[in-house]
């Protein structure tokens, strides 16, 4: 089976992800519910789906479903730090005993680090300084890791820049 995948942020006007798979056999109907579950877990919205005996075409859009609603307190989260510029809360799928996401309250076009402009320097510094404050608050004196995933190959799943603060266990190198 061959797979080709493209991913774009939610703001892209065209379908944000195109996935084409050349399958050796007809698509089994039991794969569709599994695929829908994968989309939901990866914060993807299914835009289009078609299949023939040898080709499956799936169009997806990455959706930023949580951060704006978390900022506006429309969905629950375990907030550990908040000021007028940033919000820090526990990740719902932690990769370490302590896994906190730190986000700017105003997106300002900053969907990822690769989209940063000079005008974003202050908020980027604020995110890192907040990581230091929260690490101290969480008792991570022995060390912690700060991660920013940028783009589909880095597994960015929400296109609202965010810093992962990880700690509470021995980290390995190289990561990923």
N, C-alpha and C. Protein backbone atom coordinates (compact mmCIF):
# COMPACT_ATOMS: atom_id res chain seq x y z
N UNK A 1 0.85 -1.17 0.00
CA UNK A 1 0.00 0.00 0.00
C UNK A 1 0.90 1.23 0.00
N UNK A 2 0.65 2.19 -0.91
CA UNK A 2 1.42 3.43 -0.96
C UNK A 2 0.56 4.55 -0.40
N UNK A 3 1.19 5.46 0.33
CA UNK A 3 0.45 6.57 0.92
C UNK A 3 1.18 7.87 0.64
N UNK A 4 0.43 8.89 0.27
CA UNK A 4 0.97 10.23 0.10
C UNK A 4 0.11 11.15 0.95
N UNK A 5 0.72 11.98 1.77
CA UNK A 5 -0.05 12.83 2.67
C UNK A 5 0.45 14.26 2.61
N UNK A 6 -0.47 15.21 2.58
CA UNK A 6 -0.17 16.63 2.66
C UNK A 6 -1.01 17.19 3.79
N UNK A 7 -0.47 18.12 4.56
CA UNK A 7 -1.24 18.69 5.66
C UNK A 7 -1.07 20.19 5.69
N UNK A 8 -2.15 20.90 5.94
CA UNK A 8 -2.15 22.35 6.01
C UNK A 8 -2.97 22.77 7.21
N UNK A 9 -2.72 23.97 7.73
CA UNK A 9 -3.52 24.43 8.87
C UNK A 9 -4.96 24.70 8.48
N UNK A 10 -5.79 24.82 9.50
CA UNK A 10 -7.22 25.01 9.33
C UNK A 10 -7.55 26.22 8.47
N UNK A 11 -6.72 27.26 8.51
CA UNK A 11 -7.00 28.49 7.79
C UNK A 11 -6.83 28.37 6.28
N UNK A 12 -6.25 27.29 5.80
CA UNK A 12 -6.05 27.10 4.37
C UNK A 12 -7.40 26.95 3.69
N UNK A 13 -7.65 27.74 2.61
CA UNK A 13 -8.97 27.66 1.98
C UNK A 13 -9.24 26.32 1.28
N UNK A 14 -8.22 25.72 0.70
CA UNK A 14 -8.40 24.42 0.04
C UNK A 14 -8.47 23.33 1.10
N UNK A 15 -8.96 22.12 0.74
CA UNK A 15 -8.95 21.03 1.72
C UNK A 15 -7.55 20.89 2.31
N UNK A 16 -7.48 20.82 3.61
CA UNK A 16 -6.20 20.94 4.29
C UNK A 16 -5.34 19.70 4.23
N UNK A 17 -5.88 18.53 4.08
CA UNK A 17 -5.05 17.35 3.97
C UNK A 17 -5.59 16.49 2.85
N UNK A 18 -4.71 16.05 1.99
CA UNK A 18 -5.13 15.12 0.95
C UNK A 18 -4.36 13.83 1.16
N UNK A 19 -5.07 12.73 1.23
CA UNK A 19 -4.44 11.44 1.45
C UNK A 19 -4.92 10.51 0.36
N UNK A 20 -4.01 9.94 -0.40
CA UNK A 20 -4.39 9.02 -1.47
C UNK A 20 -3.65 7.71 -1.21
N UNK A 21 -4.37 6.63 -1.16
CA UNK A 21 -3.80 5.33 -0.90
C UNK A 21 -4.12 4.39 -2.04
N UNK A 22 -3.12 3.74 -2.58
CA UNK A 22 -3.36 2.73 -3.60
C UNK A 22 -3.47 1.40 -2.89
N UNK A 23 -4.64 0.82 -2.89
CA UNK A 23 -4.89 -0.40 -2.13
C UNK A 23 -4.89 -1.61 -3.06
N UNK A 24 -4.36 -2.74 -2.62
CA UNK A 24 -4.32 -3.94 -3.44
C UNK A 24 -5.66 -4.65 -3.55
N UNK A 25 -6.59 -4.31 -2.68
CA UNK A 25 -7.89 -4.99 -2.67
C UNK A 25 -8.99 -3.96 -2.45
N UNK A 26 -10.24 -4.32 -2.69
CA UNK A 26 -11.33 -3.36 -2.44
C UNK A 26 -11.35 -2.93 -0.98
N UNK A 27 -11.80 -1.70 -0.77
CA UNK A 27 -11.91 -1.15 0.59
C UNK A 27 -12.93 -1.95 1.37
N UNK A 28 -12.56 -2.39 2.53
CA UNK A 28 -13.49 -3.10 3.39
C UNK A 28 -14.32 -2.09 4.17
N UNK A 29 -15.59 -2.33 4.27
CA UNK A 29 -16.48 -1.37 4.93
C UNK A 29 -16.13 -1.19 6.40
N UNK A 30 -15.49 -2.18 7.01
CA UNK A 30 -15.14 -2.04 8.43
C UNK A 30 -13.97 -1.08 8.65
N UNK A 31 -13.29 -0.66 7.58
CA UNK A 31 -12.20 0.30 7.73
C UNK A 31 -12.72 1.72 7.93
N UNK A 32 -13.90 2.04 7.43
CA UNK A 32 -14.42 3.39 7.50
C UNK A 32 -14.61 3.85 8.95
N UNK A 33 -15.26 3.08 9.84
CA UNK A 33 -15.37 3.52 11.23
C UNK A 33 -14.00 3.68 11.89
N UNK A 34 -13.05 2.79 11.58
CA UNK A 34 -11.71 2.91 12.15
C UNK A 34 -11.06 4.20 11.70
N UNK A 35 -11.21 4.52 10.42
CA UNK A 35 -10.64 5.75 9.90
C UNK A 35 -11.27 6.97 10.57
N UNK A 36 -12.57 6.94 10.78
CA UNK A 36 -13.26 8.06 11.45
C UNK A 36 -12.71 8.27 12.86
N UNK A 37 -12.44 7.18 13.58
CA UNK A 37 -11.86 7.27 14.92
C UNK A 37 -10.47 7.89 14.87
N UNK A 38 -9.66 7.48 13.91
CA UNK A 38 -8.31 8.04 13.76
C UNK A 38 -8.40 9.54 13.49
N UNK A 39 -9.32 9.95 12.62
CA UNK A 39 -9.49 11.37 12.31
C UNK A 39 -9.82 12.16 13.58
N UNK A 40 -10.74 11.65 14.37
CA UNK A 40 -11.15 12.34 15.59
C UNK A 40 -9.97 12.49 16.54
N UNK A 41 -9.21 11.41 16.74
CA UNK A 41 -8.07 11.47 17.66
C UNK A 41 -6.98 12.41 17.16
N UNK A 42 -6.86 12.58 15.85
CA UNK A 42 -5.83 13.44 15.28
C UNK A 42 -6.34 14.85 15.00
N UNK A 43 -7.52 15.18 15.51
CA UNK A 43 -8.14 16.49 15.29
C UNK A 43 -8.28 16.79 13.81
N UNK A 44 -8.83 15.85 13.07
CA UNK A 44 -9.04 16.02 11.63
C UNK A 44 -10.54 15.98 11.34
N UNK A 45 -10.96 16.79 10.39
CA UNK A 45 -12.34 16.79 9.95
C UNK A 45 -12.38 16.14 8.57
N UNK A 46 -13.22 15.13 8.41
CA UNK A 46 -13.35 14.44 7.14
C UNK A 46 -14.16 15.33 6.19
N UNK A 47 -13.53 15.73 5.07
CA UNK A 47 -14.20 16.57 4.09
C UNK A 47 -14.76 15.76 2.92
N UNK A 48 -14.03 14.73 2.51
CA UNK A 48 -14.42 13.97 1.32
C UNK A 48 -13.83 12.58 1.41
N UNK A 49 -14.60 11.58 1.00
CA UNK A 49 -14.13 10.20 1.04
C UNK A 49 -14.70 9.47 -0.17
N UNK A 50 -13.85 8.81 -0.95
CA UNK A 50 -14.31 7.99 -2.04
C UNK A 50 -13.37 6.80 -2.18
N UNK A 51 -13.89 5.71 -2.70
CA UNK A 51 -13.06 4.51 -2.83
C UNK A 51 -13.49 3.71 -4.04
N UNK A 52 -12.50 3.09 -4.67
CA UNK A 52 -12.74 2.13 -5.74
C UNK A 52 -11.90 0.91 -5.39
N UNK A 53 -11.93 -0.14 -6.21
CA UNK A 53 -11.13 -1.31 -5.86
C UNK A 53 -9.64 -1.03 -5.67
N UNK A 54 -9.08 -0.04 -6.39
CA UNK A 54 -7.65 0.19 -6.19
C UNK A 54 -7.27 1.57 -5.69
N UNK A 55 -8.21 2.48 -5.49
CA UNK A 55 -7.83 3.82 -5.04
C UNK A 55 -8.79 4.28 -3.94
N UNK A 56 -8.22 4.82 -2.89
CA UNK A 56 -8.99 5.44 -1.81
C UNK A 56 -8.54 6.90 -1.77
N UNK A 57 -9.46 7.84 -1.84
CA UNK A 57 -9.11 9.25 -1.74
C UNK A 57 -9.84 9.82 -0.53
N UNK A 58 -9.07 10.42 0.33
CA UNK A 58 -9.61 10.98 1.57
C UNK A 58 -9.09 12.40 1.68
N UNK A 59 -9.98 13.36 1.87
CA UNK A 59 -9.58 14.74 2.10
C UNK A 59 -9.94 15.11 3.53
N UNK A 60 -8.97 15.65 4.23
CA UNK A 60 -9.15 16.01 5.63
C UNK A 60 -8.79 17.47 5.84
N UNK A 61 -9.30 18.05 6.91
CA UNK A 61 -8.87 19.38 7.33
C UNK A 61 -8.49 19.30 8.79
N UNK A 62 -7.31 19.84 9.11
CA UNK A 62 -6.90 19.92 10.50
C UNK A 62 -7.76 20.97 11.18
N UNK A 63 -8.30 20.62 12.33
CA UNK A 63 -9.14 21.56 13.05
C UNK A 63 -8.52 21.90 14.40
N UNK A 64 -8.58 23.16 14.72
CA UNK A 64 -8.10 23.64 16.00
C UNK A 64 -9.29 23.71 16.93
N UNK A 65 -9.64 22.56 17.51
CA UNK A 65 -10.91 22.49 18.23
C UNK A 65 -10.84 22.93 19.68
N UNK A 66 -9.67 22.93 20.27
CA UNK A 66 -9.67 23.09 21.70
C UNK A 66 -9.15 24.39 22.27
N UNK A 67 -8.10 24.95 21.68
CA UNK A 67 -7.42 26.04 22.36
C UNK A 67 -8.28 27.28 22.52
N UNK A 68 -8.98 27.70 21.49
CA UNK A 68 -9.84 28.88 21.63
C UNK A 68 -10.92 28.63 22.68
N UNK A 69 -11.46 27.43 22.68
CA UNK A 69 -12.50 27.11 23.66
C UNK A 69 -11.93 27.00 25.07
N UNK A 70 -10.67 26.56 25.19
CA UNK A 70 -10.03 26.51 26.50
C UNK A 70 -9.76 27.93 26.99
N UNK A 71 -9.24 28.78 26.10
CA UNK A 71 -8.97 30.18 26.46
C UNK A 71 -10.25 30.85 26.94
N UNK A 72 -11.36 30.60 26.24
CA UNK A 72 -12.64 31.22 26.58
C UNK A 72 -13.39 30.49 27.69
N UNK A 73 -12.77 29.43 28.24
CA UNK A 73 -13.36 28.64 29.33
C UNK A 73 -14.68 27.98 28.92
N UNK A 74 -14.79 27.63 27.62
CA UNK A 74 -15.98 26.96 27.11
C UNK A 74 -15.90 25.45 27.27
N UNK A 75 -14.68 24.93 27.40
CA UNK A 75 -14.49 23.51 27.70
C UNK A 75 -13.56 23.42 28.89
N UNK A 76 -13.71 22.39 29.70
CA UNK A 76 -12.88 22.29 30.91
C UNK A 76 -11.44 21.94 30.58
N UNK A 77 -10.56 22.43 31.41
CA UNK A 77 -9.14 22.08 31.34
C UNK A 77 -8.56 22.28 32.73
N UNK A 78 -7.42 21.65 32.96
CA UNK A 78 -6.75 21.79 34.25
C UNK A 78 -5.69 22.87 34.12
N UNK A 79 -6.10 24.10 34.33
CA UNK A 79 -5.22 25.25 34.19
C UNK A 79 -4.26 25.30 35.36
N UNK A 80 -2.97 25.46 35.06
CA UNK A 80 -1.96 25.54 36.12
C UNK A 80 -1.34 26.93 36.22
N UNK A 81 -1.52 27.75 35.18
CA UNK A 81 -0.98 29.12 35.19
C UNK A 81 -1.76 29.95 34.18
N UNK A 82 -2.00 31.20 34.55
CA UNK A 82 -2.66 32.12 33.63
C UNK A 82 -2.27 33.54 33.97
N UNK A 83 -1.99 34.32 32.93
CA UNK A 83 -1.83 35.76 33.09
C UNK A 83 -2.54 36.43 31.92
N UNK A 84 -2.30 37.69 31.69
CA UNK A 84 -3.03 38.39 30.63
C UNK A 84 -2.61 37.98 29.23
N UNK A 85 -1.44 37.32 29.06
CA UNK A 85 -0.94 36.96 27.73
C UNK A 85 -0.94 35.47 27.43
N UNK A 86 -0.76 34.64 28.44
CA UNK A 86 -0.60 33.20 28.21
C UNK A 86 -1.47 32.38 29.15
N UNK A 87 -1.67 31.13 28.73
CA UNK A 87 -2.42 30.17 29.52
C UNK A 87 -1.66 28.85 29.50
N UNK A 88 -1.53 28.21 30.64
CA UNK A 88 -0.86 26.91 30.73
C UNK A 88 -1.81 25.92 31.37
N UNK A 89 -1.91 24.74 30.74
CA UNK A 89 -2.83 23.72 31.23
C UNK A 89 -2.27 22.34 30.95
N UNK A 90 -2.75 21.35 31.70
CA UNK A 90 -2.27 19.98 31.56
C UNK A 90 -2.75 19.37 30.24
N UNK A 91 -1.84 18.66 29.57
CA UNK A 91 -2.17 17.98 28.32
C UNK A 91 -3.12 16.83 28.61
N UNK A 92 -4.12 16.63 27.75
CA UNK A 92 -5.07 15.54 27.97
C UNK A 92 -4.51 14.18 27.57
N UNK A 93 -3.36 14.18 26.90
CA UNK A 93 -2.70 12.94 26.51
C UNK A 93 -1.22 13.05 26.89
N UNK A 94 -0.92 13.03 28.18
CA UNK A 94 0.45 13.31 28.63
C UNK A 94 1.48 12.29 28.16
N UNK A 95 2.65 12.79 27.80
CA UNK A 95 3.77 11.97 27.36
C UNK A 95 4.85 11.88 28.43
N UNK A 96 4.58 12.45 29.58
CA UNK A 96 5.48 12.42 30.73
C UNK A 96 4.60 12.64 31.96
N UNK A 97 5.13 12.30 33.17
CA UNK A 97 4.34 12.54 34.38
C UNK A 97 3.83 13.98 34.49
N UNK A 98 4.63 14.93 34.03
CA UNK A 98 4.18 16.32 33.94
C UNK A 98 4.26 16.71 32.48
N UNK A 99 3.12 17.05 31.90
CA UNK A 99 3.04 17.47 30.50
C UNK A 99 2.04 18.61 30.44
N UNK A 100 2.56 19.80 30.25
CA UNK A 100 1.75 21.01 30.27
C UNK A 100 1.90 21.74 28.93
N UNK A 101 0.79 22.24 28.42
CA UNK A 101 0.80 23.06 27.21
C UNK A 101 0.72 24.52 27.60
N UNK A 102 1.54 25.34 26.95
CA UNK A 102 1.56 26.77 27.21
C UNK A 102 1.24 27.46 25.90
N UNK A 103 0.19 28.28 25.91
CA UNK A 103 -0.30 28.90 24.68
C UNK A 103 -0.47 30.40 24.86
N UNK A 104 -0.32 31.16 23.77
CA UNK A 104 -0.69 32.58 23.84
C UNK A 104 -2.20 32.70 23.80
N UNK A 105 -2.74 33.65 24.51
CA UNK A 105 -4.19 33.84 24.50
C UNK A 105 -4.68 34.45 23.19
N UNK A 106 -3.81 35.17 22.51
CA UNK A 106 -4.15 35.75 21.22
C UNK A 106 -3.29 35.07 20.17
N UNK A 107 -3.92 34.45 19.19
CA UNK A 107 -3.21 33.69 18.15
C UNK A 107 -2.40 34.61 17.23
N UNK A 108 -2.97 35.71 16.80
CA UNK A 108 -2.30 36.72 15.98
C UNK A 108 -1.55 36.13 14.78
N UNK A 109 -2.15 35.15 14.12
CA UNK A 109 -1.53 34.54 12.94
C UNK A 109 -0.41 33.57 13.26
N UNK A 110 -0.12 33.38 14.52
CA UNK A 110 1.00 32.53 14.94
C UNK A 110 0.50 31.09 15.08
N UNK A 111 0.35 30.41 13.94
CA UNK A 111 -0.13 29.03 13.94
C UNK A 111 0.99 28.06 14.25
N UNK A 112 2.22 28.45 13.99
CA UNK A 112 3.38 27.61 14.26
C UNK A 112 4.62 28.48 14.29
N UNK A 113 5.73 27.94 14.76
CA UNK A 113 6.96 28.71 14.87
C UNK A 113 7.44 29.19 13.50
N UNK A 114 7.23 28.39 12.46
CA UNK A 114 7.66 28.79 11.12
C UNK A 114 6.88 29.99 10.59
N UNK A 115 5.78 30.34 11.22
CA UNK A 115 4.98 31.50 10.81
C UNK A 115 5.32 32.74 11.62
N UNK A 116 6.28 32.64 12.52
CA UNK A 116 6.62 33.76 13.39
C UNK A 116 7.22 34.91 12.58
N UNK A 117 6.86 36.11 12.99
CA UNK A 117 7.41 37.33 12.42
C UNK A 117 8.03 38.13 13.56
N UNK A 118 8.76 39.17 13.21
CA UNK A 118 9.43 39.96 14.24
C UNK A 118 8.46 40.47 15.29
N UNK A 119 7.24 40.77 14.90
CA UNK A 119 6.24 41.27 15.85
C UNK A 119 5.87 40.24 16.90
N UNK A 120 6.22 38.96 16.70
CA UNK A 120 5.89 37.90 17.64
C UNK A 120 6.98 37.65 18.68
N UNK A 121 8.10 38.36 18.58
CA UNK A 121 9.23 38.11 19.48
C UNK A 121 8.84 38.19 20.96
N UNK A 122 8.04 39.18 21.31
CA UNK A 122 7.67 39.34 22.72
C UNK A 122 6.86 38.15 23.23
N UNK A 123 5.87 37.69 22.47
CA UNK A 123 5.03 36.58 22.95
C UNK A 123 5.82 35.27 22.95
N UNK A 124 6.73 35.09 21.98
CA UNK A 124 7.56 33.87 21.98
C UNK A 124 8.44 33.83 23.22
N UNK A 125 9.02 34.95 23.58
CA UNK A 125 9.81 35.03 24.81
C UNK A 125 8.95 34.78 26.03
N UNK A 126 7.75 35.32 26.02
CA UNK A 126 6.82 35.14 27.14
C UNK A 126 6.46 33.66 27.32
N UNK A 127 6.26 32.94 26.20
CA UNK A 127 5.95 31.51 26.28
C UNK A 127 7.09 30.75 26.96
N UNK A 128 8.32 31.04 26.57
CA UNK A 128 9.47 30.34 27.17
C UNK A 128 9.66 30.73 28.63
N UNK A 129 9.50 32.00 28.96
CA UNK A 129 9.62 32.42 30.35
C UNK A 129 8.53 31.77 31.20
N UNK A 130 7.34 31.65 30.65
CA UNK A 130 6.25 30.98 31.36
C UNK A 130 6.59 29.51 31.59
N UNK A 131 7.24 28.88 30.62
CA UNK A 131 7.66 27.48 30.80
C UNK A 131 8.58 27.36 32.01
N UNK A 132 9.49 28.31 32.17
CA UNK A 132 10.39 28.32 33.32
C UNK A 132 9.62 28.49 34.64
N UNK A 133 8.65 29.42 34.64
CA UNK A 133 7.85 29.65 35.84
C UNK A 133 7.04 28.42 36.22
N UNK A 134 6.41 27.81 35.23
CA UNK A 134 5.57 26.64 35.50
C UNK A 134 6.42 25.45 35.91
N UNK A 135 7.59 25.29 35.31
CA UNK A 135 8.49 24.19 35.70
C UNK A 135 8.87 24.32 37.17
N UNK A 136 9.16 25.52 37.61
CA UNK A 136 9.49 25.74 39.03
C UNK A 136 8.27 25.45 39.90
N UNK A 137 7.11 25.93 39.49
CA UNK A 137 5.86 25.70 40.22
C UNK A 137 5.56 24.21 40.35
N UNK A 138 5.90 23.42 39.31
CA UNK A 138 5.63 21.99 39.29
C UNK A 138 6.73 21.16 39.96
N UNK A 139 7.77 21.82 40.47
CA UNK A 139 8.84 21.11 41.17
C UNK A 139 9.82 20.40 40.26
N UNK A 140 10.06 20.94 39.10
CA UNK A 140 10.96 20.29 38.14
C UNK A 140 12.39 20.85 38.24
N UNK A 141 12.90 20.91 39.46
CA UNK A 141 14.25 21.45 39.68
C UNK A 141 15.34 20.61 39.02
N UNK A 142 15.10 19.30 38.83
CA UNK A 142 16.10 18.42 38.24
C UNK A 142 16.14 18.48 36.72
N UNK A 143 15.24 19.23 36.13
CA UNK A 143 15.25 19.40 34.68
C UNK A 143 13.90 19.17 34.04
N UNK A 144 13.78 19.68 32.85
CA UNK A 144 12.55 19.56 32.08
C UNK A 144 12.90 19.76 30.61
N UNK A 145 11.95 19.45 29.76
CA UNK A 145 12.13 19.63 28.31
C UNK A 145 11.02 20.54 27.79
N UNK A 146 11.41 21.41 26.86
CA UNK A 146 10.47 22.29 26.18
C UNK A 146 10.47 21.91 24.71
N UNK A 147 9.28 21.69 24.15
CA UNK A 147 9.15 21.25 22.75
C UNK A 147 8.13 22.12 22.05
N UNK A 148 8.46 22.51 20.81
CA UNK A 148 7.49 23.16 19.92
C UNK A 148 7.46 22.34 18.64
N UNK A 149 6.35 21.70 18.37
CA UNK A 149 6.18 20.95 17.12
C UNK A 149 5.72 21.93 16.06
N UNK A 150 6.35 21.89 14.88
CA UNK A 150 5.99 22.82 13.82
C UNK A 150 5.78 22.07 12.51
N UNK A 151 4.55 22.01 12.09
CA UNK A 151 4.22 21.38 10.81
C UNK A 151 3.90 19.91 10.92
N UNK A 152 3.40 19.35 9.82
CA UNK A 152 2.94 17.97 9.83
C UNK A 152 4.05 16.94 10.09
N UNK A 153 5.26 17.17 9.60
CA UNK A 153 6.32 16.19 9.84
C UNK A 153 6.80 16.20 11.29
N UNK A 154 6.49 17.26 12.01
CA UNK A 154 6.82 17.31 13.43
C UNK A 154 5.64 16.91 14.29
N UNK A 155 4.56 16.44 13.66
CA UNK A 155 3.34 15.99 14.34
C UNK A 155 2.59 17.12 15.03
N UNK A 156 2.65 18.33 14.46
CA UNK A 156 1.81 19.40 15.00
C UNK A 156 0.37 19.05 14.70
N UNK A 157 -0.47 19.01 15.71
CA UNK A 157 -1.86 18.64 15.51
C UNK A 157 -2.82 19.79 15.71
N UNK A 158 -2.39 20.85 16.39
CA UNK A 158 -3.23 22.03 16.59
C UNK A 158 -2.45 23.22 16.07
N UNK A 159 -3.02 23.94 15.13
CA UNK A 159 -2.34 25.06 14.49
C UNK A 159 -2.64 26.38 15.22
N UNK A 160 -2.19 26.40 16.45
CA UNK A 160 -2.16 27.56 17.36
C UNK A 160 -0.89 27.30 18.14
N UNK A 161 0.13 28.13 17.93
CA UNK A 161 1.44 27.81 18.51
C UNK A 161 1.29 27.45 19.98
N UNK A 162 2.02 26.43 20.39
CA UNK A 162 1.99 26.01 21.78
C UNK A 162 3.32 25.35 22.14
N UNK A 163 3.68 25.52 23.39
CA UNK A 163 4.91 24.95 23.94
C UNK A 163 4.51 23.78 24.83
N UNK A 164 5.19 22.65 24.64
CA UNK A 164 5.01 21.50 25.52
C UNK A 164 6.08 21.58 26.60
N UNK A 165 5.68 21.54 27.84
CA UNK A 165 6.60 21.46 28.98
C UNK A 165 6.49 20.04 29.51
N UNK A 166 7.59 19.29 29.43
CA UNK A 166 7.61 17.88 29.84
C UNK A 166 8.62 17.68 30.96
N UNK A 167 8.25 16.89 31.95
CA UNK A 167 9.17 16.62 33.05
C UNK A 167 8.65 15.53 33.95
N UNK A 168 9.41 15.27 35.02
CA UNK A 168 9.01 14.25 35.98
C UNK A 168 9.56 12.88 35.67
N UNK A 169 10.38 12.77 34.63
CA UNK A 169 11.04 11.50 34.29
C UNK A 169 12.32 11.81 33.53
N UNK A 170 13.17 10.80 33.41
CA UNK A 170 14.40 10.96 32.64
C UNK A 170 14.05 11.05 31.15
N UNK A 171 14.48 12.11 30.51
CA UNK A 171 14.27 12.26 29.07
C UNK A 171 15.41 11.56 28.33
N UNK A 172 15.12 11.10 27.13
CA UNK A 172 16.13 10.42 26.31
C UNK A 172 16.58 11.33 25.18
N UNK A 173 17.77 11.00 24.64
CA UNK A 173 18.29 11.73 23.48
C UNK A 173 18.82 10.74 22.49
N UNK A 174 18.59 10.86 21.23
CA UNK A 174 17.82 11.95 20.62
C UNK A 174 16.33 11.72 20.78
N UNK A 175 15.55 12.82 20.79
CA UNK A 175 14.10 12.68 20.90
C UNK A 175 13.51 12.20 19.57
N UNK A 176 12.28 11.75 19.63
CA UNK A 176 11.55 11.37 18.41
C UNK A 176 12.13 10.16 17.81
